[in-house]
């Protein structure tokens, strides 16, 4: 039985705790958060967990065998490093850290302490995204490919604090950068343009960026967390495209609310409906099982800090050049 403890007990942490809960090899052992309200909510939903106000008191408990860090992004570095220096393997929420420099320090400590440093890039475990990834990597829509993701919504709290969360092009779109890195390899450079729609926040709230990858592949992100609007999600290639939704086709059976579909369109415009196996909700449970398997030495981490740093590098490059409407190489 692996005693898992959680640093940070907000909404994301409670989702992580719920994902670990059904795993037979896992004991929901403890949690730490300076917020009394968060501790009280956790105690009500997950009775039996030891709760601490100070994460260092939690780390001093010799029974803790694994740590999940689910604090706001700015604090990932310090919490993960404290855990690794205490001799405890870590999975930290994404983004890995607020800056590339912080990511480098985390990786350095991981190597010094010979401790697991996994980053919760849950899309790597997502059955839905994994389905279209296979379509793309098997060449069904040709190459090169441009992946377009356009999204508009409203967010606030610490997410829109530049120093703590970094806004949508850091905290939200980091999933896309990491997944594009998984598909196409190391990112090369970005060109970006940003505008500020909400003058009350410090983070860049709206930006469009194109990230270049080897062999001409590209990721185009156009995200805003300051207004509501439509969504576009598709991948375009020389031999066809794949888009979120059912196109002009209808599922044979009534779709479950959590079930996504993709429409594959060939070069002649013929449509084919793709129904992924599983749901996106499965990804957190798969991720939790993978982390525990890595802690036990039964599996090799597929989302290590040495890979996650690259997604932060993309985000950092976009945020640096976006307000100036410039281009920049991605380095880490």
C-alpha atoms as a PDB file:
ATOM      1  CA  UNK A   1       0.000   0.000   0.000  1.00  0.00           C
ATOM      2  CA  UNK A   2       1.404   3.389  -1.046  1.00  0.00           C
ATOM      3  CA  UNK A   3       0.628   6.309   1.275  1.00  0.00           C
ATOM      4  CA  UNK A   4      -0.068   9.245  -1.049  1.00  0.00           C
ATOM      5  CA  UNK A   5      -0.171  12.810   0.256  1.00  0.00           C
ATOM      6  CA  UNK A   6      -1.374  15.964  -1.465  1.00  0.00           C
ATOM      7  CA  UNK A   7       0.100  19.460  -1.154  1.00  0.00           C
ATOM      8  CA  UNK A   8      -2.664  21.914  -2.019  1.00  0.00           C
ATOM      9  CA  UNK A   9      -6.291  20.929  -1.400  1.00  0.00           C
ATOM     10  CA  UNK A  10      -8.238  23.099  -3.831  1.00  0.00           C
ATOM     11  CA  UNK A  11     -10.536  21.983  -6.657  1.00  0.00           C
ATOM     12  CA  UNK A  12      -7.806  20.398  -8.775  1.00  0.00           C
ATOM     13  CA  UNK A  13      -6.377  18.557  -5.792  1.00  0.00           C
ATOM     14  CA  UNK A  14      -9.775  17.121  -4.911  1.00  0.00           C
ATOM     15  CA  UNK A  15     -10.104  15.866  -8.487  1.00  0.00           C
ATOM     16  CA  UNK A  16      -6.702  14.217  -8.158  1.00  0.00           C
ATOM     17  CA  UNK A  17      -7.619  12.682  -4.794  1.00  0.00           C
ATOM     18  CA  UNK A  18     -10.804  11.244  -6.303  1.00  0.00           C
ATOM     19  CA  UNK A  19      -8.725   9.728  -9.129  1.00  0.00           C
ATOM     20  CA  UNK A  20      -6.359   7.992  -6.700  1.00  0.00           C
ATOM     21  CA  UNK A  21      -9.123   6.846  -4.346  1.00  0.00           C
ATOM     22  CA  UNK A  22     -10.257   3.674  -6.213  1.00  0.00           C
ATOM     23  CA  UNK A  23      -6.736   2.337  -6.818  1.00  0.00           C
ATOM     24  CA  UNK A  24      -6.231  -0.731  -4.580  1.00  0.00           C
ATOM     25  CA  UNK A  25      -2.526  -0.050  -4.028  1.00  0.00           C
ATOM     26  CA  UNK A  26      -3.186   3.527  -2.872  1.00  0.00           C
ATOM     27  CA  UNK A  27      -3.929   4.917   0.570  1.00  0.00           C
ATOM     28  CA  UNK A  28      -5.190   8.509   0.677  1.00  0.00           C
ATOM     29  CA  UNK A  29      -2.922   9.295   3.576  1.00  0.00           C
ATOM     30  CA  UNK A  30      -2.619  13.049   4.067  1.00  0.00           C
ATOM     31  CA  UNK A  31      -2.989  16.552   2.692  1.00  0.00           C
ATOM     32  CA  UNK A  32      -1.696  20.044   3.420  1.00  0.00           C
ATOM     33  CA  UNK A  33      -3.128  23.472   2.704  1.00  0.00           C
ATOM     34  CA  UNK A  34      -2.923  26.791   4.577  1.00  0.00           C
ATOM     35  CA  UNK A  35      -6.632  27.349   3.860  1.00  0.00           C
ATOM     36  CA  UNK A  36      -8.833  26.085   6.673  1.00  0.00           C
ATOM     37  CA  UNK A  37     -11.802  26.012   4.305  1.00  0.00           C
ATOM     38  CA  UNK A  38      -9.953  23.729   1.869  1.00  0.00           C
ATOM     39  CA  UNK A  39      -8.925  21.431   4.697  1.00  0.00           C
ATOM     40  CA  UNK A  40     -12.488  21.255   5.982  1.00  0.00           C
ATOM     41  CA  UNK A  41     -13.912  20.436   2.537  1.00  0.00           C
ATOM     42  CA  UNK A  42     -11.301  17.726   2.097  1.00  0.00           C
ATOM     43  CA  UNK A  43     -12.037  16.257   5.519  1.00  0.00           C
ATOM     44  CA  UNK A  44     -15.728  16.058   4.675  1.00  0.00           C
ATOM     45  CA  UNK A  45     -15.245  14.474   1.255  1.00  0.00           C
ATOM     46  CA  UNK A  46     -12.318  12.222   2.139  1.00  0.00           C
ATOM     47  CA  UNK A  47     -12.587  11.318   5.824  1.00  0.00           C
ATOM     48  CA  UNK A  48      -9.607   9.619   7.359  1.00  0.00           C
ATOM     49  CA  UNK A  49      -6.901  11.724   5.720  1.00  0.00           C
ATOM     50  CA  UNK A  50      -4.411  13.402   8.031  1.00  0.00           C
ATOM     51  CA  UNK A  51      -4.542  17.148   7.380  1.00  0.00           C
ATOM     52  CA  UNK A  52      -1.831  19.741   7.881  1.00  0.00           C
ATOM     53  CA  UNK A  53      -1.664  23.500   7.569  1.00  0.00           C
ATOM     54  CA  UNK A  54       2.047  23.476   6.690  1.00  0.00           C
ATOM     55  CA  UNK A  55       3.356  21.232   3.902  1.00  0.00           C
ATOM     56  CA  UNK A  56       6.687  20.865   5.694  1.00  0.00           C
ATOM     57  CA  UNK A  57       4.926  19.207   8.625  1.00  0.00           C
ATOM     58  CA  UNK A  58       3.367  16.774   6.183  1.00  0.00           C
ATOM     59  CA  UNK A  59       6.749  16.015   4.592  1.00  0.00           C
ATOM     60  CA  UNK A  60       8.187  15.273   8.041  1.00  0.00           C
ATOM     61  CA  UNK A  61       5.792  12.336   8.434  1.00  0.00           C
ATOM     62  CA  UNK A  62       7.881   9.218   7.639  1.00  0.00           C
ATOM     63  CA  UNK A  63       4.815   7.313   6.460  1.00  0.00           C
ATOM     64  CA  UNK A  64       4.366   9.520   3.364  1.00  0.00           C
ATOM     65  CA  UNK A  65       5.525   7.555   0.308  1.00  0.00           C
ATOM     66  CA  UNK A  66       4.450   9.764  -2.610  1.00  0.00           C
ATOM     67  CA  UNK A  67       3.490  13.410  -3.105  1.00  0.00           C
ATOM     68  CA  UNK A  68       1.049  15.103  -5.478  1.00  0.00           C
ATOM     69  CA  UNK A  69       1.529  18.874  -5.757  1.00  0.00           C
ATOM     70  CA  UNK A  70      -1.677  20.683  -6.735  1.00  0.00           C
ATOM     71  CA  UNK A  71      -1.000  24.264  -5.720  1.00  0.00           C
ATOM     72  CA  UNK A  72      -1.115  27.369  -7.939  1.00  0.00           C
ATOM     73  CA  UNK A  73       1.653  27.233 -10.544  1.00  0.00           C
ATOM     74  CA  UNK A  74       4.070  29.682  -8.903  1.00  0.00           C
ATOM     75  CA  UNK A  75       4.479  27.342  -5.920  1.00  0.00           C
ATOM     76  CA  UNK A  76       5.125  24.092  -7.821  1.00  0.00           C
ATOM     77  CA  UNK A  77       8.888  24.570  -7.772  1.00  0.00           C
ATOM     78  CA  UNK A  78       9.202  25.064  -4.021  1.00  0.00           C
ATOM     79  CA  UNK A  79       6.763  22.328  -3.020  1.00  0.00           C
ATOM     80  CA  UNK A  80       8.218  19.741  -5.417  1.00  0.00           C
ATOM     81  CA  UNK A  81      11.798  20.516  -4.398  1.00  0.00           C
ATOM     82  CA  UNK A  82      10.938  20.288  -0.691  1.00  0.00           C
ATOM     83  CA  UNK A  83       9.341  16.886  -1.305  1.00  0.00           C
ATOM     84  CA  UNK A  84      12.249  15.527  -3.350  1.00  0.00           C
ATOM     85  CA  UNK A  85      14.759  16.755  -0.779  1.00  0.00           C
ATOM     86  CA  UNK A  86      12.702  14.907   1.806  1.00  0.00           C
ATOM     87  CA  UNK A  87      13.295  11.755  -0.243  1.00  0.00           C
ATOM     88  CA  UNK A  88       9.768  11.479  -1.630  1.00  0.00           C
ATOM     89  CA  UNK A  89       8.792  10.996  -5.320  1.00  0.00           C
ATOM     90  CA  UNK A  90       6.605  13.736  -6.773  1.00  0.00           C
ATOM     91  CA  UNK A  91       3.896  14.307  -9.333  1.00  0.00           C
ATOM     92  CA  UNK A  92       3.206  18.011  -9.768  1.00  0.00           C
ATOM     93  CA  UNK A  93       0.312  19.621 -11.589  1.00  0.00           C
ATOM     94  CA  UNK A  94       0.862  21.298 -14.932  1.00  0.00           C
ATOM     95  CA  UNK A  95       2.362  23.652 -15.917  1.00  0.00           C
ATOM     96  CA  UNK A  96       5.512  22.225 -14.369  1.00  0.00           C
ATOM     97  CA  UNK A  97       6.460  25.700 -13.091  1.00  0.00           C
ATOM     98  CA  UNK A  98       5.915  29.347 -13.965  1.00  0.00           C
ATOM     99  CA  UNK A  99       9.298  29.768 -15.671  1.00  0.00           C
ATOM    100  CA  UNK A 100      11.838  27.655 -17.510  1.00  0.00           C
ATOM    101  CA  UNK A 101      14.435  28.632 -14.897  1.00  0.00           C
ATOM    102  CA  UNK A 102      12.251  27.141 -12.152  1.00  0.00           C
ATOM    103  CA  UNK A 103      11.800  23.965 -14.208  1.00  0.00           C
ATOM    104  CA  UNK A 104      15.556  23.627 -14.593  1.00  0.00           C
ATOM    105  CA  UNK A 105      16.022  23.859 -10.827  1.00  0.00           C
ATOM    106  CA  UNK A 106      13.400  21.170 -10.243  1.00  0.00           C
ATOM    107  CA  UNK A 107      15.130  18.853 -12.716  1.00  0.00           C
ATOM    108  CA  UNK A 108      18.488  19.557 -11.074  1.00  0.00           C
ATOM    109  CA  UNK A 109      17.167  18.559  -7.636  1.00  0.00           C
ATOM    110  CA  UNK A 110      15.458  15.485  -9.095  1.00  0.00           C
ATOM    111  CA  UNK A 111      18.818  14.326 -10.442  1.00  0.00           C
ATOM    112  CA  UNK A 112      20.695  15.206  -7.271  1.00  0.00           C
ATOM    113  CA  UNK A 113      18.230  13.308  -5.084  1.00  0.00           C
ATOM    114  CA  UNK A 114      17.603  10.536  -7.647  1.00  0.00           C
ATOM    115  CA  UNK A 115      13.872  11.115  -7.198  1.00  0.00           C
ATOM    116  CA  UNK A 116      10.961  10.759  -9.601  1.00  0.00           C
ATOM    117  CA  UNK A 117       9.649  14.079 -10.908  1.00  0.00           C
ATOM    118  CA  UNK A 118       6.496  13.530 -12.944  1.00  0.00           C
ATOM    119  CA  UNK A 119       4.297  16.311 -14.335  1.00  0.00           C
ATOM    120  CA  UNK A 120       0.539  15.825 -14.593  1.00  0.00           C
ATOM    121  CA  UNK A 121       0.149  16.338 -18.331  1.00  0.00           C
ATOM    122  CA  UNK A 122      -3.051  14.323 -18.262  1.00  0.00           C
ATOM    123  CA  UNK A 123      -3.721  14.562 -22.012  1.00  0.00           C
ATOM    124  CA  UNK A 124      -0.954  12.031 -22.535  1.00  0.00           C
ATOM    125  CA  UNK A 125      -3.353   9.577 -20.881  1.00  0.00           C
ATOM    126  CA  UNK A 126      -6.507  10.811 -22.657  1.00  0.00           C
ATOM    127  CA  UNK A 127      -8.326   8.192 -24.761  1.00  0.00           C
ATOM    128  CA  UNK A 128     -10.019  10.935 -26.818  1.00  0.00           C
ATOM    129  CA  UNK A 129      -6.876  12.830 -27.763  1.00  0.00           C
ATOM    130  CA  UNK A 130      -5.031   9.538 -28.146  1.00  0.00           C
ATOM    131  CA  UNK A 131      -7.508   8.541 -30.855  1.00  0.00           C
ATOM    132  CA  UNK A 132      -6.836  11.500 -33.140  1.00  0.00           C
ATOM    133  CA  UNK A 133      -3.135  11.317 -32.354  1.00  0.00           C
ATOM    134  CA  UNK A 134      -3.086   7.834 -33.866  1.00  0.00           C
ATOM    135  CA  UNK A 135      -4.908   9.083 -36.969  1.00  0.00           C
ATOM    136  CA  UNK A 136      -2.297  11.805 -37.422  1.00  0.00           C
ATOM    137  CA  UNK A 137       0.816   9.733 -36.666  1.00  0.00           C
ATOM    138  CA  UNK A 138      -0.313   6.919 -38.968  1.00  0.00           C
ATOM    139  CA  UNK A 139      -0.483   9.430 -41.829  1.00  0.00           C
ATOM    140  CA  UNK A 140      -4.211   9.275 -42.560  1.00  0.00           C
ATOM    141  CA  UNK A 141      -4.425  13.028 -43.180  1.00  0.00           C
ATOM    142  CA  UNK A 142      -0.974  13.386 -44.736  1.00  0.00           C
ATOM    143  CA  UNK A 143       1.887  15.642 -43.716  1.00  0.00           C
ATOM    144  CA  UNK A 144       2.811  18.227 -42.669  1.00  0.00           C
ATOM    145  CA  UNK A 145      -0.107  18.993 -40.370  1.00  0.00           C
ATOM    146  CA  UNK A 146      -1.395  22.195 -38.798  1.00  0.00           C
ATOM    147  CA  UNK A 147      -3.342  21.732 -35.572  1.00  0.00           C
ATOM    148  CA  UNK A 148      -5.708  24.634 -34.875  1.00  0.00           C
ATOM    149  CA  UNK A 149      -7.262  25.282 -31.477  1.00  0.00           C
ATOM    150  CA  UNK A 150      -9.390  28.400 -30.986  1.00  0.00           C
ATOM    151  CA  UNK A 151     -11.148  28.887 -27.650  1.00  0.00           C
ATOM    152  CA  UNK A 152     -12.800  31.708 -25.721  1.00  0.00           C
ATOM    153  CA  UNK A 153     -14.058  31.635 -22.146  1.00  0.00           C
ATOM    154  CA  UNK A 154     -13.847  33.630 -18.943  1.00  0.00           C
ATOM    155  CA  UNK A 155     -11.501  32.761 -16.093  1.00  0.00           C
ATOM    156  CA  UNK A 156     -10.201  34.600 -13.078  1.00  0.00           C
ATOM    157  CA  UNK A 157      -8.695  34.102  -9.645  1.00  0.00           C
ATOM    158  CA  UNK A 158      -4.948  33.385  -9.513  1.00  0.00           C
ATOM    159  CA  UNK A 159      -5.001  31.995 -13.048  1.00  0.00           C
ATOM    160  CA  UNK A 160      -5.040  35.568 -14.354  1.00  0.00           C
ATOM    161  CA  UNK A 161      -2.228  36.786 -12.119  1.00  0.00           C
ATOM    162  CA  UNK A 162       0.859  37.013 -14.333  1.00  0.00           C
ATOM    163  CA  UNK A 163       3.335  35.947 -11.643  1.00  0.00           C
ATOM    164  CA  UNK A 164       1.215  33.163 -10.147  1.00  0.00           C
ATOM    165  CA  UNK A 165      -0.659  31.607 -13.067  1.00  0.00           C
ATOM    166  CA  UNK A 166       0.387  33.307 -16.287  1.00  0.00           C
ATOM    167  CA  UNK A 167      -3.024  33.325 -17.977  1.00  0.00           C
ATOM    168  CA  UNK A 168      -4.487  31.040 -20.658  1.00  0.00           C
ATOM    169  CA  UNK A 169      -1.404  30.776 -22.870  1.00  0.00           C
ATOM    170  CA  UNK A 170       0.503  29.395 -19.893  1.00  0.00           C
ATOM    171  CA  UNK A 171      -1.937  27.508 -17.694  1.00  0.00           C
ATOM    172  CA  UNK A 172      -4.506  26.263 -20.229  1.00  0.00           C
ATOM    173  CA  UNK A 173      -2.790  25.923 -23.592  1.00  0.00           C
ATOM    174  CA  UNK A 174       0.187  24.151 -21.997  1.00  0.00           C
ATOM    175  CA  UNK A 175      -1.765  20.913 -22.566  1.00  0.00           C
ATOM    176  CA  UNK A 176      -1.614  21.525 -26.305  1.00  0.00           C
ATOM    177  CA  UNK A 177       2.075  22.407 -26.348  1.00  0.00           C
ATOM    178  CA  UNK A 178       2.951  19.248 -24.452  1.00  0.00           C
ATOM    179  CA  UNK A 179       0.799  17.067 -26.686  1.00  0.00           C
ATOM    180  CA  UNK A 180       2.257  18.617 -29.826  1.00  0.00           C
ATOM    181  CA  UNK A 181       5.723  17.933 -28.387  1.00  0.00           C
ATOM    182  CA  UNK A 182       4.664  14.314 -27.856  1.00  0.00           C
ATOM    183  CA  UNK A 183       3.504  13.977 -31.469  1.00  0.00           C
ATOM    184  CA  UNK A 184       6.102  15.962 -33.387  1.00  0.00           C
ATOM    185  CA  UNK A 185       9.163  16.330 -31.188  1.00  0.00           C
ATOM    186  CA  UNK A 186      10.942  19.363 -29.837  1.00  0.00           C
ATOM    187  CA  UNK A 187       9.387  22.766 -30.603  1.00  0.00           C
ATOM    188  CA  UNK A 188      11.492  25.079 -32.773  1.00  0.00           C
ATOM    189  CA  UNK A 189      10.080  28.577 -32.487  1.00  0.00           C
ATOM    190  CA  UNK A 190       6.984  30.718 -32.046  1.00  0.00           C
ATOM    191  CA  UNK A 191       5.428  33.792 -33.563  1.00  0.00           C
ATOM    192  CA  UNK A 192       2.771  35.444 -31.425  1.00  0.00           C
ATOM    193  CA  UNK A 193       0.493  38.431 -31.042  1.00  0.00           C
ATOM    194  CA  UNK A 194      -1.352  39.359 -27.839  1.00  0.00           C
ATOM    195  CA  UNK A 195      -3.969  41.889 -26.803  1.00  0.00           C
ATOM    196  CA  UNK A 196      -5.400  42.786 -23.413  1.00  0.00           C
ATOM    197  CA  UNK A 197      -9.200  42.726 -23.182  1.00  0.00           C
ATOM    198  CA  UNK A 198      -9.519  42.805 -19.407  1.00  0.00           C
ATOM    199  CA  UNK A 199      -7.563  45.705 -17.897  1.00  0.00           C
ATOM    200  CA  UNK A 200      -8.145  44.451 -14.352  1.00  0.00           C
ATOM    201  CA  UNK A 201      -5.841  41.416 -14.652  1.00  0.00           C
ATOM    202  CA  UNK A 202      -2.057  41.296 -14.895  1.00  0.00           C
ATOM    203  CA  UNK A 203      -1.678  38.242 -17.145  1.00  0.00           C
ATOM    204  CA  UNK A 204      -1.939  38.229 -20.928  1.00  0.00           C
ATOM    205  CA  UNK A 205      -5.585  37.247 -21.333  1.00  0.00           C
ATOM    206  CA  UNK A 206      -5.868  36.906 -25.134  1.00  0.00           C
ATOM    207  CA  UNK A 207      -3.272  35.821 -27.680  1.00  0.00           C
ATOM    208  CA  UNK A 208      -2.714  33.989 -30.937  1.00  0.00           C
ATOM    209  CA  UNK A 209       0.460  32.012 -31.562  1.00  0.00           C
ATOM    210  CA  UNK A 210       1.889  29.635 -34.124  1.00  0.00           C
ATOM    211  CA  UNK A 211       4.463  27.119 -32.902  1.00  0.00           C
ATOM    212  CA  UNK A 212       6.794  25.508 -35.450  1.00  0.00           C
ATOM    213  CA  UNK A 213       7.806  21.860 -35.237  1.00  0.00           C
ATOM    214  CA  UNK A 214      10.108  19.617 -37.291  1.00  0.00           C
ATOM    215  CA  UNK A 215       9.110  18.678 -40.847  1.00  0.00           C
ATOM    216  CA  UNK A 216       6.781  21.673 -41.227  1.00  0.00           C
ATOM    217  CA  UNK A 217       4.207  20.676 -38.617  1.00  0.00           C
ATOM    218  CA  UNK A 218       2.543  23.552 -36.776  1.00  0.00           C
ATOM    219  CA  UNK A 219       0.322  24.227 -33.793  1.00  0.00           C
ATOM    220  CA  UNK A 220      -1.879  27.329 -33.902  1.00  0.00           C
ATOM    221  CA  UNK A 221      -3.341  28.501 -30.608  1.00  0.00           C
ATOM    222  CA  UNK A 222      -5.801  31.382 -30.331  1.00  0.00           C
ATOM    223  CA  UNK A 223      -7.097  31.539 -26.775  1.00  0.00           C
ATOM    224  CA  UNK A 224      -8.840  34.078 -24.602  1.00  0.00           C
ATOM    225  CA  UNK A 225      -9.876  33.917 -20.965  1.00  0.00           C
ATOM    226  CA  UNK A 226     -11.523  37.339 -21.100  1.00  0.00           C
ATOM    227  CA  UNK A 227     -14.548  36.800 -23.331  1.00  0.00           C
ATOM    228  CA  UNK A 228     -16.994  34.130 -24.406  1.00  0.00           C
ATOM    229  CA  UNK A 229     -17.053  32.799 -27.939  1.00  0.00           C
ATOM    230  CA  UNK A 230     -16.997  29.802 -30.228  1.00  0.00           C
ATOM    231  CA  UNK A 231     -14.508  26.947 -30.346  1.00  0.00           C
ATOM    232  CA  UNK A 232     -12.536  25.472 -33.241  1.00  0.00           C
ATOM    233  CA  UNK A 233     -10.510  22.280 -32.957  1.00  0.00           C
ATOM    234  CA  UNK A 234      -9.147  20.558 -36.052  1.00  0.00           C
ATOM    235  CA  UNK A 235      -6.034  19.193 -37.721  1.00  0.00           C
ATOM    236  CA  UNK A 236      -5.411  19.861 -41.398  1.00  0.00           C
ATOM    237  CA  UNK A 237      -3.106  17.804 -43.587  1.00  0.00           C
ATOM    238  CA  UNK A 238      -2.279  17.354 -47.261  1.00  0.00           C
ATOM    239  CA  UNK A 239      -4.508  14.274 -47.558  1.00  0.00           C
ATOM    240  CA  UNK A 240      -7.437  15.284 -45.374  1.00  0.00           C
ATOM    241  CA  UNK A 241      -8.408  16.602 -41.986  1.00  0.00           C
ATOM    242  CA  UNK A 242      -9.831  15.556 -38.662  1.00  0.00           C
ATOM    243  CA  UNK A 243     -12.174  17.784 -36.685  1.00  0.00           C
ATOM    244  CA  UNK A 244     -13.876  17.701 -33.318  1.00  0.00           C
ATOM    245  CA  UNK A 245     -17.523  16.756 -33.677  1.00  0.00           C
ATOM    246  CA  UNK A 246     -19.558  14.660 -36.079  1.00  0.00           C
ATOM    247  CA  UNK A 247     -19.508  16.856 -39.195  1.00  0.00           C
ATOM    248  CA  UNK A 248     -22.610  16.194 -41.276  1.00  0.00           C
ATOM    249  CA  UNK A 249     -22.834  12.618 -39.950  1.00  0.00           C
ATOM    250  CA  UNK A 250     -24.863  11.360 -37.010  1.00  0.00           C
ATOM    251  CA  UNK A 251     -23.824   8.680 -34.510  1.00  0.00           C
ATOM    252  CA  UNK A 252     -25.695   5.410 -34.913  1.00  0.00           C
ATOM    253  CA  UNK A 253     -26.425   5.326 -31.207  1.00  0.00           C
ATOM    254  CA  UNK A 254     -27.259   8.150 -28.866  1.00  0.00           C
ATOM    255  CA  UNK A 255     -24.037   9.695 -27.644  1.00  0.00           C
ATOM    256  CA  UNK A 256     -23.322   9.833 -23.960  1.00  0.00           C
ATOM    257  CA  UNK A 257     -22.748  13.355 -22.630  1.00  0.00           C
ATOM    258  CA  UNK A 258     -19.090  12.655 -21.908  1.00  0.00           C
ATOM    259  CA  UNK A 259     -18.416  10.933 -25.243  1.00  0.00           C
ATOM    260  CA  UNK A 260     -16.550  12.881 -27.919  1.00  0.00           C
ATOM    261  CA  UNK A 261     -16.515  12.165 -31.639  1.00  0.00           C
ATOM    262  CA  UNK A 262     -14.150  13.111 -34.424  1.00  0.00           C
ATOM    263  CA  UNK A 263     -14.913  13.420 -38.102  1.00  0.00           C
ATOM    264  CA  UNK A 264     -12.188  12.294 -40.504  1.00  0.00           C
ATOM    265  CA  UNK A 265     -12.472  13.972 -43.915  1.00  0.00           C
ATOM    266  CA  UNK A 266     -10.412  12.624 -46.828  1.00  0.00           C
ATOM    267  CA  UNK A 267      -9.010  14.594 -49.757  1.00  0.00           C
ATOM    268  CA  UNK A 268     -12.258  14.045 -51.708  1.00  0.00           C
ATOM    269  CA  UNK A 269     -14.437  15.381 -48.908  1.00  0.00           C
ATOM    270  CA  UNK A 270     -15.770  11.996 -47.805  1.00  0.00           C
ATOM    271  CA  UNK A 271     -16.522  11.905 -44.088  1.00  0.00           C
ATOM    272  CA  UNK A 272     -15.924   9.086 -41.628  1.00  0.00           C
ATOM    273  CA  UNK A 273     -17.047   9.193 -38.018  1.00  0.00           C
ATOM    274  CA  UNK A 274     -14.538   8.133 -35.360  1.00  0.00           C
ATOM    275  CA  UNK A 275     -15.777   7.110 -31.927  1.00  0.00           C
ATOM    276  CA  UNK A 276     -12.897   6.948 -29.442  1.00  0.00           C
ATOM    277  CA  UNK A 277     -12.806   4.152 -26.922  1.00  0.00           C
ATOM    278  CA  UNK A 278     -13.145   5.515 -23.425  1.00  0.00           C
ATOM    279  CA  UNK A 279     -13.684   9.100 -22.303  1.00  0.00           C
ATOM    280  CA  UNK A 280     -11.491  12.034 -21.357  1.00  0.00           C
ATOM    281  CA  UNK A 281     -12.519  11.435 -17.745  1.00  0.00           C
ATOM    282  CA  UNK A 282     -10.444   8.258 -17.772  1.00  0.00           C
ATOM    283  CA  UNK A 283      -7.203  10.198 -18.140  1.00  0.00           C
ATOM    284  CA  UNK A 284      -6.885  11.217 -14.485  1.00  0.00           C
ATOM    285  CA  UNK A 285      -7.317   7.652 -13.271  1.00  0.00           C
ATOM    286  CA  UNK A 286      -4.820   6.355 -15.848  1.00  0.00           C
ATOM    287  CA  UNK A 287      -2.383   9.081 -14.845  1.00  0.00           C
ATOM    288  CA  UNK A 288      -2.725   8.216 -11.157  1.00  0.00           C
ATOM    289  CA  UNK A 289      -2.125   4.510 -11.817  1.00  0.00           C
ATOM    290  CA  UNK A 290       0.921   5.348 -13.940  1.00  0.00           C
ATOM    291  CA  UNK A 291       2.413   7.560 -11.226  1.00  0.00           C
ATOM    292  CA  UNK A 292       2.018   4.833  -8.610  1.00  0.00           C
ATOM    293  CA  UNK A 293       3.533   2.261 -10.971  1.00  0.00           C
ATOM    294  CA  UNK A 294       6.518   4.586 -11.468  1.00  0.00           C
ATOM    295  CA  UNK A 295       6.849   5.040  -7.698  1.00  0.00           C
ATOM    296  CA  UNK A 296       6.968   1.250  -7.356  1.00  0.00           C
ATOM    297  CA  UNK A 297       9.531   0.950 -10.155  1.00  0.00           C
ATOM    298  CA  UNK A 298       7.102  -1.023 -12.308  1.00  0.00           C
ATOM    299  CA  UNK A 299       6.910   1.504 -15.169  1.00  0.00           C
ATOM    300  CA  UNK A 300       8.963   4.243 -16.828  1.00  0.00           C
ATOM    301  CA  UNK A 301       7.546   7.743 -16.504  1.00  0.00           C
ATOM    302  CA  UNK A 302       6.061   9.036 -19.771  1.00  0.00           C
ATOM    303  CA  UNK A 303       5.645  12.594 -18.496  1.00  0.00           C
ATOM    304  CA  UNK A 304       8.936  13.450 -16.763  1.00  0.00           C
ATOM    305  CA  UNK A 305      10.105  16.934 -15.918  1.00  0.00           C
ATOM    306  CA  UNK A 306      12.697  16.735 -18.692  1.00  0.00           C
ATOM    307  CA  UNK A 307       9.828  16.644 -21.204  1.00  0.00           C
ATOM    308  CA  UNK A 308       7.401  18.957 -19.392  1.00  0.00           C
ATOM    309  CA  UNK A 309       9.924  21.801 -19.349  1.00  0.00           C
ATOM    310  CA  UNK A 310       9.540  22.084 -23.124  1.00  0.00           C
ATOM    311  CA  UNK A 311       5.859  23.022 -22.838  1.00  0.00           C
ATOM    312  CA  UNK A 312       6.707  25.742 -20.322  1.00  0.00           C
ATOM    313  CA  UNK A 313       9.388  26.973 -22.737  1.00  0.00           C
ATOM    314  CA  UNK A 314       6.774  27.368 -25.481  1.00  0.00           C
ATOM    315  CA  UNK A 315       4.434  29.255 -23.155  1.00  0.00           C
ATOM    316  CA  UNK A 316       7.221  31.484 -21.882  1.00  0.00           C
ATOM    317  CA  UNK A 317       8.297  32.346 -25.435  1.00  0.00           C
ATOM    318  CA  UNK A 318       4.717  33.256 -26.402  1.00  0.00           C
ATOM    319  CA  UNK A 319       4.246  35.483 -23.370  1.00  0.00           C
ATOM    320  CA  UNK A 320       7.550  37.281 -24.006  1.00  0.00           C
ATOM    321  CA  UNK A 321       6.946  38.115 -27.667  1.00  0.00           C
ATOM    322  CA  UNK A 322       3.135  38.270 -27.842  1.00  0.00           C
ATOM    323  CA  UNK A 323       2.727  41.866 -26.643  1.00  0.00           C
ATOM    324  CA  UNK A 324       5.432  42.930 -29.143  1.00  0.00           C
ATOM    325  CA  UNK A 325       4.064  40.824 -32.031  1.00  0.00           C
ATOM    326  CA  UNK A 326       7.411  39.152 -32.604  1.00  0.00           C
ATOM    327  CA  UNK A 327       8.979  35.742 -33.229  1.00  0.00           C
ATOM    328  CA  UNK A 328      11.305  33.815 -30.930  1.00  0.00           C
ATOM    329  CA  UNK A 329      13.147  30.525 -30.794  1.00  0.00           C
ATOM    330  CA  UNK A 330      12.046  28.099 -28.099  1.00  0.00           C
ATOM    331  CA  UNK A 331      14.836  27.241 -25.685  1.00  0.00           C
ATOM    332  CA  UNK A 332      15.012  25.396 -22.401  1.00  0.00           C
END
